[in-house]
Structure formats: C-alpha cells, structure tokens
C-alpha cells in the first residue's frame, strides 16, 4: 500500500511539473507573439551631413614602409569614431565609396533598442563621432520578440578612407562584421564582452597602424590578413574568450606582440613572408632577407600553453 501511495504521489507530482512547464511555455509564446506583432521598427541615419566628417585635406603621399610616417608625423589631426553596441547582433562596418562621407544607418525596434549618435567638432578641424545602440530589457525577451517579429536590429556604418580615424568598438552581447581594408586607421581598439567579431583587412591600410588593441571577455574575435594593417603594436588580453589571427598580408614594419590572458586561448597563423622572434620551435621564414624582412616580436614570457602558433 505504501508503494502504491508513493507511485500516485510521484505521478501527480510529474503531471503537475508538466502542467507548470506547459503553462510557462504557453505564457512565453503568447508574450512573444504579442510583442512581436507590436514591435515598432524604425530607421535612423546620421544627423550630420556626410561631407562634414569627410577628410578636408588629401592624404600626403609618403613612404608608408616607415613607422614614422604616421598621421602625427604628417601633422594631420586624428579623428575618433567610437561604436558602443549592446544586444544587437547585426553590426557592419565598411569603407565608404568615393561618393560617400561617413554613413550611419540603423534599423531597430524602438521599444527594445535605444539609438543615439553625436558629432563633436574640434578647433583643429578634427571630429569625434560616437554611435551608441543599446538593447533594453532582458536578452531573452529581445530574442523571443525578434523570433516572433521576424526582424532584427541592425547597424551599418561606412568610414571615409581619406580621414585618419582612431577606431574604437565596445561590443557586449553583439556581433560585429568589419572590413577595414583601405582605411586610414592610426589606432584600432576593440573591447569584446560576451560577443563576437569578425574583422578583415582585405587590402592594406592607407598608412600602417600604430597599434591594434583587443580585449576579449567571454567572447571571440577573428582577425583576417592582419599584415595589411601592419600594426607596430598588437596587444591582446583575453579572459574566458578566444581569438584567431591570420597574420598574412603586406607587412610594412616590425611589430611588437603582447599576448596575455587566462581561461581562454587562440591560434595565430604566420605567413612565410615574415620573421618571428619569441616563439619556441616555430619554423623559420622561407626565402626572406633578414635585414629587410619585417619581424614579429612576441613579448618575453608569453604563455603559449593555450596559444597555437604555426606557419602557413
């Protein structure tokens, strides 16, 4: 009799759990359906005329194989573009075409996303442009509403190629796809938190980058053809995140590489066209001149336990 009573108890308990689960799922589905149908999508563009943030002076033709030929040495004021994005998975950055200035185009549900942009102009003629796109409410609510509405927030940015721009991006629970080849980027600074980024330099930058700094926390980043950016300094800090760096491309100068992190790791692919110092057991460069070939110097003490370095 006791066993029979326990069986009935567990039977009704399981049925109760199933009923509660069904009720929760039904509630979420109804909430998502209503929210999705009531989503208010809108579009927004930059509120400033594109020509106001285009370069005022043409790029001085110079020997870009020397790190001294950076914007500061050329006497050109450096502009700043800052991208701050939370909860938006479709973010695209690209070079502007010849007939475009800086372009910002955002599409979003204004009930779930806040969007703002601001241009500050300096006395020296340079500018600072800040774009912020932030999801409101919980991540789950945004995902459910997106599913039922059939639409997602997106942000498209193009940067002018003739303006020296210090590029910053702070990505949280977001996704970034950037093609930066052909731009003039003295510094590149990415902070990736619970997010992912795919960044490529399909063609060389107008001037080799002074520095590329990346901080990854519970996210991941892929850099393609880093050699076309040819940074003098590549600084990577990862925490519970990962990275893949394809270092191929047209290196113009030596590079100092700092790698530091915990509970994560990555892979670095080295082309045959550059020399490397500081990596144990790495095959030497093939068919290169030690005096003229750019060298990648990895900082002493780099922990290669979670980092794979190989030539390709």
C-alpha atoms as a PDB file:
ATOM      1  CA  UNK A   1       0.000   0.000   0.000  1.00  0.00           C
ATOM      2  CA  UNK A   2       2.826   2.362   0.840  1.00  0.00           C
ATOM      3  CA  UNK A   3       4.458   1.743  -2.536  1.00  0.00           C
ATOM      4  CA  UNK A   4       1.156   2.381  -4.282  1.00  0.00           C
ATOM      5  CA  UNK A   5       0.759   5.694  -2.455  1.00  0.00           C
ATOM      6  CA  UNK A   6       4.276   6.799  -3.402  1.00  0.00           C
ATOM      7  CA  UNK A   7       3.645   5.936  -7.045  1.00  0.00           C
ATOM      8  CA  UNK A   8       0.483   8.025  -7.058  1.00  0.00           C
ATOM      9  CA  UNK A   9       2.343  10.896  -5.376  1.00  0.00           C
ATOM     10  CA  UNK A  10       5.140  10.884  -7.922  1.00  0.00           C
ATOM     11  CA  UNK A  11       2.662  10.502 -10.770  1.00  0.00           C
ATOM     12  CA  UNK A  12       0.686  13.560  -9.736  1.00  0.00           C
ATOM     13  CA  UNK A  13       3.909  15.484  -8.995  1.00  0.00           C
ATOM     14  CA  UNK A  14       5.224  14.793 -12.501  1.00  0.00           C
ATOM     15  CA  UNK A  15       1.903  15.762 -14.025  1.00  0.00           C
ATOM     16  CA  UNK A  16       1.994  18.964 -12.009  1.00  0.00           C
ATOM     17  CA  UNK A  17       5.518  19.763 -13.213  1.00  0.00           C
ATOM     18  CA  UNK A  18       4.477  19.124 -16.812  1.00  0.00           C
ATOM     19  CA  UNK A  19       1.476  21.361 -16.359  1.00  0.00           C
ATOM     20  CA  UNK A  20       3.573  24.198 -14.935  1.00  0.00           C
ATOM     21  CA  UNK A  21       6.132  23.797 -17.728  1.00  0.00           C
ATOM     22  CA  UNK A  22       3.386  23.880 -20.370  1.00  0.00           C
ATOM     23  CA  UNK A  23       1.887  26.985 -18.753  1.00  0.00           C
ATOM     24  CA  UNK A  24       5.259  28.752 -18.741  1.00  0.00           C
ATOM     25  CA  UNK A  25       5.954  27.847 -22.373  1.00  0.00           C
ATOM     26  CA  UNK A  26       2.472  28.979 -23.408  1.00  0.00           C
ATOM     27  CA  UNK A  27       2.891  32.261 -21.500  1.00  0.00           C
ATOM     28  CA  UNK A  28       6.256  32.935 -23.132  1.00  0.00           C
ATOM     29  CA  UNK A  29       4.850  32.105 -26.577  1.00  0.00           C
ATOM     30  CA  UNK A  30       1.857  34.405 -26.108  1.00  0.00           C
ATOM     31  CA  UNK A  31       4.099  37.183 -24.777  1.00  0.00           C
ATOM     32  CA  UNK A  32       6.478  36.768 -27.704  1.00  0.00           C
ATOM     33  CA  UNK A  33       3.675  36.705 -30.270  1.00  0.00           C
ATOM     34  CA  UNK A  34       2.054  39.844 -28.860  1.00  0.00           C
ATOM     35  CA  UNK A  35       5.384  41.645 -28.505  1.00  0.00           C
ATOM     36  CA  UNK A  36       6.464  40.606 -31.989  1.00  0.00           C
ATOM     37  CA  UNK A  37       3.236  41.868 -33.572  1.00  0.00           C
ATOM     38  CA  UNK A  38       3.525  45.147 -31.645  1.00  0.00           C
ATOM     39  CA  UNK A  39       7.193  45.723 -32.413  1.00  0.00           C
ATOM     40  CA  UNK A  40       7.734  49.249 -33.696  1.00  0.00           C
ATOM     41  CA  UNK A  41      10.661  49.184 -36.084  1.00  0.00           C
ATOM     42  CA  UNK A  42      12.134  52.445 -37.211  1.00  0.00           C
ATOM     43  CA  UNK A  43      15.173  53.637 -39.156  1.00  0.00           C
ATOM     44  CA  UNK A  44      17.665  56.330 -38.310  1.00  0.00           C
ATOM     45  CA  UNK A  45      20.515  57.944 -40.210  1.00  0.00           C
ATOM     46  CA  UNK A  46      23.375  60.181 -39.176  1.00  0.00           C
ATOM     47  CA  UNK A  47      22.001  63.618 -38.357  1.00  0.00           C
ATOM     48  CA  UNK A  48      25.055  65.334 -39.800  1.00  0.00           C
ATOM     49  CA  UNK A  49      25.847  65.933 -43.445  1.00  0.00           C
ATOM     50  CA  UNK A  50      28.417  63.337 -44.567  1.00  0.00           C
ATOM     51  CA  UNK A  51      30.732  65.976 -46.004  1.00  0.00           C
ATOM     52  CA  UNK A  52      31.200  67.422 -42.509  1.00  0.00           C
ATOM     53  CA  UNK A  53      33.131  64.332 -41.462  1.00  0.00           C
ATOM     54  CA  UNK A  54      34.992  63.688 -44.699  1.00  0.00           C
ATOM     55  CA  UNK A  55      38.685  64.476 -44.934  1.00  0.00           C
ATOM     56  CA  UNK A  56      39.445  68.125 -45.523  1.00  0.00           C
ATOM     57  CA  UNK A  57      42.953  67.507 -46.843  1.00  0.00           C
ATOM     58  CA  UNK A  58      44.118  64.715 -49.142  1.00  0.00           C
ATOM     59  CA  UNK A  59      46.420  62.067 -47.773  1.00  0.00           C
ATOM     60  CA  UNK A  60      50.016  63.132 -48.236  1.00  0.00           C
ATOM     61  CA  UNK A  61      51.808  60.670 -50.474  1.00  0.00           C
ATOM     62  CA  UNK A  62      54.731  59.353 -48.456  1.00  0.00           C
ATOM     63  CA  UNK A  63      56.844  56.300 -47.796  1.00  0.00           C
ATOM     64  CA  UNK A  64      54.455  54.180 -45.724  1.00  0.00           C
ATOM     65  CA  UNK A  65      57.069  51.499 -45.144  1.00  0.00           C
ATOM     66  CA  UNK A  66      58.419  53.547 -42.259  1.00  0.00           C
ATOM     67  CA  UNK A  67      56.515  53.746 -38.963  1.00  0.00           C
ATOM     68  CA  UNK A  68      57.488  57.427 -38.644  1.00  0.00           C
ATOM     69  CA  UNK A  69      55.103  58.237 -41.467  1.00  0.00           C
ATOM     70  CA  UNK A  70      52.018  58.149 -39.237  1.00  0.00           C
ATOM     71  CA  UNK A  71      49.396  60.936 -39.061  1.00  0.00           C
ATOM     72  CA  UNK A  72      51.119  62.653 -36.127  1.00  0.00           C
ATOM     73  CA  UNK A  73      54.349  62.859 -38.123  1.00  0.00           C
ATOM     74  CA  UNK A  74      52.402  64.177 -41.094  1.00  0.00           C
ATOM     75  CA  UNK A  75      50.846  66.893 -38.974  1.00  0.00           C
ATOM     76  CA  UNK A  76      47.313  65.672 -39.693  1.00  0.00           C
ATOM     77  CA  UNK A  77      44.782  65.850 -36.815  1.00  0.00           C
ATOM     78  CA  UNK A  78      43.354  62.426 -35.953  1.00  0.00           C
ATOM     79  CA  UNK A  79      39.589  61.959 -35.789  1.00  0.00           C
ATOM     80  CA  UNK A  80      37.864  59.480 -33.468  1.00  0.00           C
ATOM     81  CA  UNK A  81      35.000  57.114 -34.193  1.00  0.00           C
ATOM     82  CA  UNK A  82      33.518  55.226 -31.238  1.00  0.00           C
ATOM     83  CA  UNK A  83      30.989  52.407 -31.567  1.00  0.00           C
ATOM     84  CA  UNK A  84      29.161  51.234 -28.415  1.00  0.00           C
ATOM     85  CA  UNK A  85      26.737  48.359 -29.018  1.00  0.00           C
ATOM     86  CA  UNK A  86      24.819  46.064 -26.649  1.00  0.00           C
ATOM     87  CA  UNK A  87      22.307  43.438 -27.663  1.00  0.00           C
ATOM     88  CA  UNK A  88      22.472  43.986 -31.442  1.00  0.00           C
ATOM     89  CA  UNK A  89      23.814  41.081 -33.470  1.00  0.00           C
ATOM     90  CA  UNK A  90      23.935  42.651 -36.942  1.00  0.00           C
ATOM     91  CA  UNK A  91      26.607  45.365 -36.980  1.00  0.00           C
ATOM     92  CA  UNK A  92      28.550  46.026 -40.184  1.00  0.00           C
ATOM     93  CA  UNK A  93      31.453  48.451 -40.680  1.00  0.00           C
ATOM     94  CA  UNK A  94      32.942  49.044 -44.140  1.00  0.00           C
ATOM     95  CA  UNK A  95      34.913  51.637 -46.113  1.00  0.00           C
ATOM     96  CA  UNK A  96      32.842  54.344 -47.793  1.00  0.00           C
ATOM     97  CA  UNK A  97      32.753  54.528 -51.564  1.00  0.00           C
ATOM     98  CA  UNK A  98      34.183  57.584 -53.311  1.00  0.00           C
ATOM     99  CA  UNK A  99      30.853  59.428 -53.312  1.00  0.00           C
ATOM    100  CA  UNK A 100      30.113  58.836 -49.602  1.00  0.00           C
ATOM    101  CA  UNK A 101      31.173  60.581 -46.434  1.00  0.00           C
ATOM    102  CA  UNK A 102      30.674  58.890 -43.082  1.00  0.00           C
ATOM    103  CA  UNK A 103      27.364  56.997 -43.185  1.00  0.00           C
ATOM    104  CA  UNK A 104      25.373  55.608 -40.254  1.00  0.00           C
ATOM    105  CA  UNK A 105      22.179  53.624 -40.886  1.00  0.00           C
ATOM    106  CA  UNK A 106      20.276  51.927 -38.065  1.00  0.00           C
ATOM    107  CA  UNK A 107      17.131  49.798 -38.095  1.00  0.00           C
ATOM    108  CA  UNK A 108      15.657  48.768 -34.772  1.00  0.00           C
ATOM    109  CA  UNK A 109      12.578  48.185 -32.633  1.00  0.00           C
ATOM    110  CA  UNK A 110      12.386  51.370 -30.608  1.00  0.00           C
ATOM    111  CA  UNK A 111      10.596  49.518 -27.807  1.00  0.00           C
ATOM    112  CA  UNK A 112      13.632  47.310 -27.324  1.00  0.00           C
ATOM    113  CA  UNK A 113      16.620  49.342 -28.529  1.00  0.00           C
ATOM    114  CA  UNK A 114      17.902  52.845 -27.830  1.00  0.00           C
ATOM    115  CA  UNK A 115      19.923  54.555 -30.572  1.00  0.00           C
ATOM    116  CA  UNK A 116      21.935  57.757 -30.427  1.00  0.00           C
ATOM    117  CA  UNK A 117      24.768  59.412 -32.317  1.00  0.00           C
ATOM    118  CA  UNK A 118      26.771  62.544 -31.644  1.00  0.00           C
ATOM    119  CA  UNK A 119      29.352  64.558 -33.534  1.00  0.00           C
ATOM    120  CA  UNK A 120      31.805  66.781 -31.670  1.00  0.00           C
ATOM    121  CA  UNK A 121      33.984  69.032 -33.809  1.00  0.00           C
ATOM    122  CA  UNK A 122      37.336  70.266 -32.531  1.00  0.00           C
ATOM    123  CA  UNK A 123      39.036  73.627 -33.214  1.00  0.00           C
ATOM    124  CA  UNK A 124      41.809  71.888 -35.183  1.00  0.00           C
ATOM    125  CA  UNK A 125      39.235  70.582 -37.669  1.00  0.00           C
ATOM    126  CA  UNK A 126      39.128  67.016 -36.352  1.00  0.00           C
ATOM    127  CA  UNK A 127      35.972  65.361 -35.062  1.00  0.00           C
ATOM    128  CA  UNK A 128      34.783  62.714 -32.619  1.00  0.00           C
ATOM    129  CA  UNK A 129      31.770  60.689 -33.717  1.00  0.00           C
ATOM    130  CA  UNK A 130      30.046  58.431 -31.163  1.00  0.00           C
ATOM    131  CA  UNK A 131      27.350  55.911 -32.097  1.00  0.00           C
ATOM    132  CA  UNK A 132      25.534  54.051 -29.332  1.00  0.00           C
ATOM    133  CA  UNK A 133      22.950  51.299 -29.812  1.00  0.00           C
ATOM    134  CA  UNK A 134      21.737  49.583 -26.646  1.00  0.00           C
ATOM    135  CA  UNK A 135      19.172  46.818 -26.189  1.00  0.00           C
ATOM    136  CA  UNK A 136      16.635  47.359 -23.409  1.00  0.00           C
ATOM    137  CA  UNK A 137      15.200  44.689 -21.124  1.00  0.00           C
ATOM    138  CA  UNK A 138      16.423  41.128 -20.818  1.00  0.00           C
ATOM    139  CA  UNK A 139      18.332  39.288 -23.522  1.00  0.00           C
ATOM    140  CA  UNK A 140      15.693  36.530 -23.515  1.00  0.00           C
ATOM    141  CA  UNK A 141      12.843  38.987 -24.071  1.00  0.00           C
ATOM    142  CA  UNK A 142      14.681  40.555 -27.016  1.00  0.00           C
ATOM    143  CA  UNK A 143      15.389  37.149 -28.562  1.00  0.00           C
ATOM    144  CA  UNK A 144      11.779  35.975 -28.199  1.00  0.00           C
ATOM    145  CA  UNK A 145      10.399  39.194 -29.627  1.00  0.00           C
ATOM    146  CA  UNK A 146      12.851  39.054 -32.531  1.00  0.00           C
ATOM    147  CA  UNK A 147      11.761  35.493 -33.315  1.00  0.00           C
ATOM    148  CA  UNK A 148       8.080  36.353 -33.472  1.00  0.00           C
ATOM    149  CA  UNK A 149       8.535  39.671 -35.298  1.00  0.00           C
ATOM    150  CA  UNK A 150      10.803  38.092 -37.915  1.00  0.00           C
ATOM    151  CA  UNK A 151      13.054  41.165 -37.843  1.00  0.00           C
ATOM    152  CA  UNK A 152      16.331  42.023 -36.131  1.00  0.00           C
ATOM    153  CA  UNK A 153      18.025  45.272 -35.223  1.00  0.00           C
ATOM    154  CA  UNK A 154      20.920  46.216 -37.486  1.00  0.00           C
ATOM    155  CA  UNK A 155      23.555  48.905 -37.770  1.00  0.00           C
ATOM    156  CA  UNK A 156      25.532  49.740 -40.899  1.00  0.00           C
ATOM    157  CA  UNK A 157      28.476  52.147 -40.825  1.00  0.00           C
ATOM    158  CA  UNK A 158      30.880  53.260 -43.520  1.00  0.00           C
ATOM    159  CA  UNK A 159      34.037  55.205 -42.720  1.00  0.00           C
ATOM    160  CA  UNK A 160      35.727  57.652 -45.119  1.00  0.00           C
ATOM    161  CA  UNK A 161      39.050  56.414 -46.434  1.00  0.00           C
ATOM    162  CA  UNK A 162      40.740  59.824 -46.653  1.00  0.00           C
ATOM    163  CA  UNK A 163      40.300  60.759 -42.991  1.00  0.00           C
ATOM    164  CA  UNK A 164      42.686  59.484 -40.290  1.00  0.00           C
ATOM    165  CA  UNK A 165      40.391  57.811 -37.747  1.00  0.00           C
ATOM    166  CA  UNK A 166      41.158  56.263 -34.363  1.00  0.00           C
ATOM    167  CA  UNK A 167      38.594  53.437 -34.285  1.00  0.00           C
ATOM    168  CA  UNK A 168      37.063  52.157 -31.043  1.00  0.00           C
ATOM    169  CA  UNK A 169      34.388  49.476 -30.622  1.00  0.00           C
ATOM    170  CA  UNK A 170      32.773  48.234 -27.416  1.00  0.00           C
ATOM    171  CA  UNK A 171      30.650  45.158 -28.148  1.00  0.00           C
ATOM    172  CA  UNK A 172      28.522  43.449 -25.495  1.00  0.00           C
ATOM    173  CA  UNK A 173      26.148  40.624 -26.427  1.00  0.00           C
ATOM    174  CA  UNK A 174      26.560  41.759 -30.013  1.00  0.00           C
ATOM    175  CA  UNK A 175      28.023  40.746 -33.341  1.00  0.00           C
ATOM    176  CA  UNK A 176      30.413  42.778 -35.468  1.00  0.00           C
ATOM    177  CA  UNK A 177      31.453  42.202 -39.070  1.00  0.00           C
ATOM    178  CA  UNK A 178      34.025  44.714 -40.259  1.00  0.00           C
ATOM    179  CA  UNK A 179      36.007  45.101 -43.469  1.00  0.00           C
ATOM    180  CA  UNK A 180      38.602  47.800 -42.792  1.00  0.00           C
ATOM    181  CA  UNK A 181      40.914  47.435 -45.782  1.00  0.00           C
ATOM    182  CA  UNK A 182      41.922  50.683 -47.454  1.00  0.00           C
ATOM    183  CA  UNK A 183      41.048  52.895 -44.471  1.00  0.00           C
ATOM    184  CA  UNK A 184      43.370  55.248 -42.595  1.00  0.00           C
ATOM    185  CA  UNK A 185      43.316  53.899 -39.018  1.00  0.00           C
ATOM    186  CA  UNK A 186      46.210  55.018 -36.786  1.00  0.00           C
ATOM    187  CA  UNK A 187      44.805  53.036 -33.839  1.00  0.00           C
ATOM    188  CA  UNK A 188      42.219  50.261 -33.502  1.00  0.00           C
ATOM    189  CA  UNK A 189      40.790  49.418 -30.077  1.00  0.00           C
ATOM    190  CA  UNK A 190      38.212  46.632 -29.582  1.00  0.00           C
ATOM    191  CA  UNK A 191      36.554  45.537 -26.347  1.00  0.00           C
ATOM    192  CA  UNK A 192      34.563  42.320 -26.825  1.00  0.00           C
ATOM    193  CA  UNK A 193      32.353  41.107 -23.948  1.00  0.00           C
ATOM    194  CA  UNK A 194      30.001  38.143 -24.446  1.00  0.00           C
ATOM    195  CA  UNK A 195      30.147  38.980 -28.124  1.00  0.00           C
ATOM    196  CA  UNK A 196      31.769  38.018 -31.383  1.00  0.00           C
ATOM    197  CA  UNK A 197      33.638  39.955 -34.041  1.00  0.00           C
ATOM    198  CA  UNK A 198      34.982  39.124 -37.497  1.00  0.00           C
ATOM    199  CA  UNK A 199      37.396  41.772 -38.765  1.00  0.00           C
ATOM    200  CA  UNK A 200      39.235  41.680 -42.064  1.00  0.00           C
ATOM    201  CA  UNK A 201      41.827  43.817 -43.834  1.00  0.00           C
ATOM    202  CA  UNK A 202      41.426  42.630 -47.415  1.00  0.00           C
ATOM    203  CA  UNK A 203      43.649  45.451 -48.696  1.00  0.00           C
ATOM    204  CA  UNK A 204      46.435  47.416 -46.943  1.00  0.00           C
ATOM    205  CA  UNK A 205      45.528  50.394 -44.771  1.00  0.00           C
ATOM    206  CA  UNK A 206      46.393  53.805 -46.193  1.00  0.00           C
ATOM    207  CA  UNK A 207      49.114  54.101 -43.519  1.00  0.00           C
ATOM    208  CA  UNK A 208      50.348  51.225 -41.284  1.00  0.00           C
ATOM    209  CA  UNK A 209      48.524  51.196 -37.952  1.00  0.00           C
ATOM    210  CA  UNK A 210      50.321  52.435 -34.886  1.00  0.00           C
ATOM    211  CA  UNK A 211      48.535  49.946 -32.626  1.00  0.00           C
ATOM    212  CA  UNK A 212      45.784  47.334 -32.534  1.00  0.00           C
ATOM    213  CA  UNK A 213      44.473  46.623 -29.033  1.00  0.00           C
ATOM    214  CA  UNK A 214      41.965  43.862 -28.284  1.00  0.00           C
ATOM    215  CA  UNK A 215      40.329  42.833 -25.020  1.00  0.00           C
ATOM    216  CA  UNK A 216      38.133  39.711 -25.087  1.00  0.00           C
ATOM    217  CA  UNK A 217      35.951  38.530 -22.203  1.00  0.00           C
ATOM    218  CA  UNK A 218      33.603  35.581 -22.704  1.00  0.00           C
ATOM    219  CA  UNK A 219      33.585  36.171 -26.427  1.00  0.00           C
ATOM    220  CA  UNK A 220      35.656  35.667 -29.526  1.00  0.00           C
ATOM    221  CA  UNK A 221      37.336  37.582 -32.311  1.00  0.00           C
ATOM    222  CA  UNK A 222      38.733  36.622 -35.704  1.00  0.00           C
ATOM    223  CA  UNK A 223      41.196  38.906 -37.490  1.00  0.00           C
ATOM    224  CA  UNK A 224      41.924  38.217 -41.133  1.00  0.00           C
ATOM    225  CA  UNK A 225      45.010  39.466 -43.017  1.00  0.00           C
ATOM    226  CA  UNK A 226      46.457  41.433 -40.105  1.00  0.00           C
ATOM    227  CA  UNK A 227      49.583  42.086 -42.171  1.00  0.00           C
ATOM    228  CA  UNK A 228      47.586  44.530 -44.299  1.00  0.00           C
ATOM    229  CA  UNK A 229      47.085  46.620 -41.152  1.00  0.00           C
ATOM    230  CA  UNK A 230      50.783  46.181 -40.305  1.00  0.00           C
ATOM    231  CA  UNK A 231      50.431  47.423 -36.707  1.00  0.00           C
ATOM    232  CA  UNK A 232      53.593  48.453 -34.869  1.00  0.00           C
ATOM    233  CA  UNK A 233      51.957  47.050 -31.698  1.00  0.00           C
ATOM    234  CA  UNK A 234      49.409  44.241 -31.371  1.00  0.00           C
ATOM    235  CA  UNK A 235      48.156  43.978 -27.791  1.00  0.00           C
ATOM    236  CA  UNK A 236      45.723  41.175 -26.866  1.00  0.00           C
ATOM    237  CA  UNK A 237      44.157  40.498 -23.457  1.00  0.00           C
ATOM    238  CA  UNK A 238      41.685  37.613 -23.201  1.00  0.00           C
ATOM    239  CA  UNK A 239      39.570  36.304 -20.322  1.00  0.00           C
ATOM    240  CA  UNK A 240      37.313  33.317 -20.905  1.00  0.00           C
ATOM    241  CA  UNK A 241      37.486  34.107 -24.592  1.00  0.00           C
ATOM    242  CA  UNK A 242      39.288  33.102 -27.738  1.00  0.00           C
ATOM    243  CA  UNK A 243      40.878  34.523 -30.848  1.00  0.00           C
ATOM    244  CA  UNK A 244      42.142  33.537 -34.267  1.00  0.00           C
ATOM    245  CA  UNK A 245      44.633  35.810 -36.018  1.00  0.00           C
ATOM    246  CA  UNK A 246      45.622  35.314 -39.633  1.00  0.00           C
ATOM    247  CA  UNK A 247      48.813  37.378 -39.869  1.00  0.00           C
ATOM    248  CA  UNK A 248      49.103  37.246 -43.652  1.00  0.00           C
ATOM    249  CA  UNK A 249      49.231  40.408 -45.714  1.00  0.00           C
ATOM    250  CA  UNK A 250      51.632  43.159 -46.747  1.00  0.00           C
ATOM    251  CA  UNK A 251      53.720  43.865 -43.647  1.00  0.00           C
ATOM    252  CA  UNK A 252      55.450  47.259 -43.829  1.00  0.00           C
ATOM    253  CA  UNK A 253      57.138  47.386 -40.421  1.00  0.00           C
ATOM    254  CA  UNK A 254      58.201  45.324 -37.429  1.00  0.00           C
ATOM    255  CA  UNK A 255      55.557  44.512 -34.833  1.00  0.00           C
ATOM    256  CA  UNK A 256      55.628  44.051 -31.068  1.00  0.00           C
ATOM    257  CA  UNK A 257      53.028  41.473 -29.985  1.00  0.00           C
ATOM    258  CA  UNK A 258      51.744  41.238 -26.415  1.00  0.00           C
ATOM    259  CA  UNK A 259      49.516  38.280 -25.500  1.00  0.00           C
ATOM    260  CA  UNK A 260      48.115  37.899 -22.009  1.00  0.00           C
ATOM    261  CA  UNK A 261      45.102  36.061 -20.655  1.00  0.00           C
ATOM    262  CA  UNK A 262      43.500  33.311 -18.625  1.00  0.00           C
ATOM    263  CA  UNK A 263      40.880  30.632 -19.225  1.00  0.00           C
ATOM    264  CA  UNK A 264      40.974  31.049 -22.970  1.00  0.00           C
ATOM    265  CA  UNK A 265      43.359  30.933 -25.853  1.00  0.00           C
ATOM    266  CA  UNK A 266      43.726  31.173 -29.560  1.00  0.00           C
ATOM    267  CA  UNK A 267      45.543  30.460 -32.763  1.00  0.00           C
ATOM    268  CA  UNK A 268      47.996  32.615 -34.699  1.00  0.00           C
ATOM    269  CA  UNK A 269      48.763  31.815 -38.321  1.00  0.00           C
ATOM    270  CA  UNK A 270      52.101  33.216 -39.537  1.00  0.00           C
ATOM    271  CA  UNK A 271      52.899  33.624 -43.249  1.00  0.00           C
ATOM    272  CA  UNK A 272      56.245  32.605 -44.718  1.00  0.00           C
ATOM    273  CA  UNK A 273      56.990  36.235 -45.595  1.00  0.00           C
ATOM    274  CA  UNK A 274      57.817  37.461 -42.066  1.00  0.00           C
ATOM    275  CA  UNK A 275      60.356  36.563 -39.416  1.00  0.00           C
ATOM    276  CA  UNK A 276      59.257  35.779 -35.856  1.00  0.00           C
ATOM    277  CA  UNK A 277      61.127  36.019 -32.585  1.00  0.00           C
ATOM    278  CA  UNK A 278      59.933  34.776 -29.214  1.00  0.00           C
ATOM    279  CA  UNK A 279      58.056  31.662 -30.349  1.00  0.00           C
ATOM    280  CA  UNK A 280      59.754  28.368 -29.456  1.00  0.00           C
ATOM    281  CA  UNK A 281      60.050  25.684 -32.131  1.00  0.00           C
ATOM    282  CA  UNK A 282      58.477  27.774 -34.900  1.00  0.00           C
ATOM    283  CA  UNK A 283      59.779  27.019 -38.381  1.00  0.00           C
ATOM    284  CA  UNK A 284      61.933  29.840 -39.822  1.00  0.00           C
ATOM    285  CA  UNK A 285      60.751  32.076 -42.638  1.00  0.00           C
ATOM    286  CA  UNK A 286      61.447  30.777 -46.116  1.00  0.00           C
ATOM    287  CA  UNK A 287      63.228  32.796 -48.812  1.00  0.00           C
ATOM    288  CA  UNK A 288      63.448  36.062 -46.839  1.00  0.00           C
ATOM    289  CA  UNK A 289      66.195  38.595 -46.222  1.00  0.00           C
ATOM    290  CA  UNK A 290      66.891  39.035 -42.508  1.00  0.00           C
ATOM    291  CA  UNK A 291      67.824  42.702 -42.973  1.00  0.00           C
ATOM    292  CA  UNK A 292      64.717  43.800 -44.886  1.00  0.00           C
ATOM    293  CA  UNK A 293      62.019  41.324 -43.840  1.00  0.00           C
ATOM    294  CA  UNK A 294      59.614  42.636 -41.153  1.00  0.00           C
ATOM    295  CA  UNK A 295      59.906  40.811 -37.833  1.00  0.00           C
ATOM    296  CA  UNK A 296      57.137  39.987 -35.363  1.00  0.00           C
ATOM    297  CA  UNK A 297      58.479  40.126 -31.812  1.00  0.00           C
ATOM    298  CA  UNK A 298      56.408  38.227 -29.249  1.00  0.00           C
ATOM    299  CA  UNK A 299      56.891  39.557 -25.745  1.00  0.00           C
ATOM    300  CA  UNK A 300      59.199  37.558 -23.466  1.00  0.00           C
ATOM    301  CA  UNK A 301      57.294  35.416 -21.008  1.00  0.00           C
ATOM    302  CA  UNK A 302      54.315  34.821 -23.312  1.00  0.00           C
ATOM    303  CA  UNK A 303      52.476  31.703 -22.152  1.00  0.00           C
ATOM    304  CA  UNK A 304      51.958  29.501 -25.202  1.00  0.00           C
ATOM    305  CA  UNK A 305      50.116  26.792 -23.276  1.00  0.00           C
ATOM    306  CA  UNK A 306      46.741  27.829 -24.741  1.00  0.00           C
ATOM    307  CA  UNK A 307      48.050  29.537 -27.870  1.00  0.00           C
ATOM    308  CA  UNK A 308      48.880  27.738 -31.086  1.00  0.00           C
ATOM    309  CA  UNK A 309      51.349  29.422 -33.446  1.00  0.00           C
ATOM    310  CA  UNK A 310      52.035  27.911 -36.848  1.00  0.00           C
ATOM    311  CA  UNK A 311      53.200  28.905 -40.303  1.00  0.00           C
ATOM    312  CA  UNK A 312      51.112  28.619 -43.424  1.00  0.00           C
END
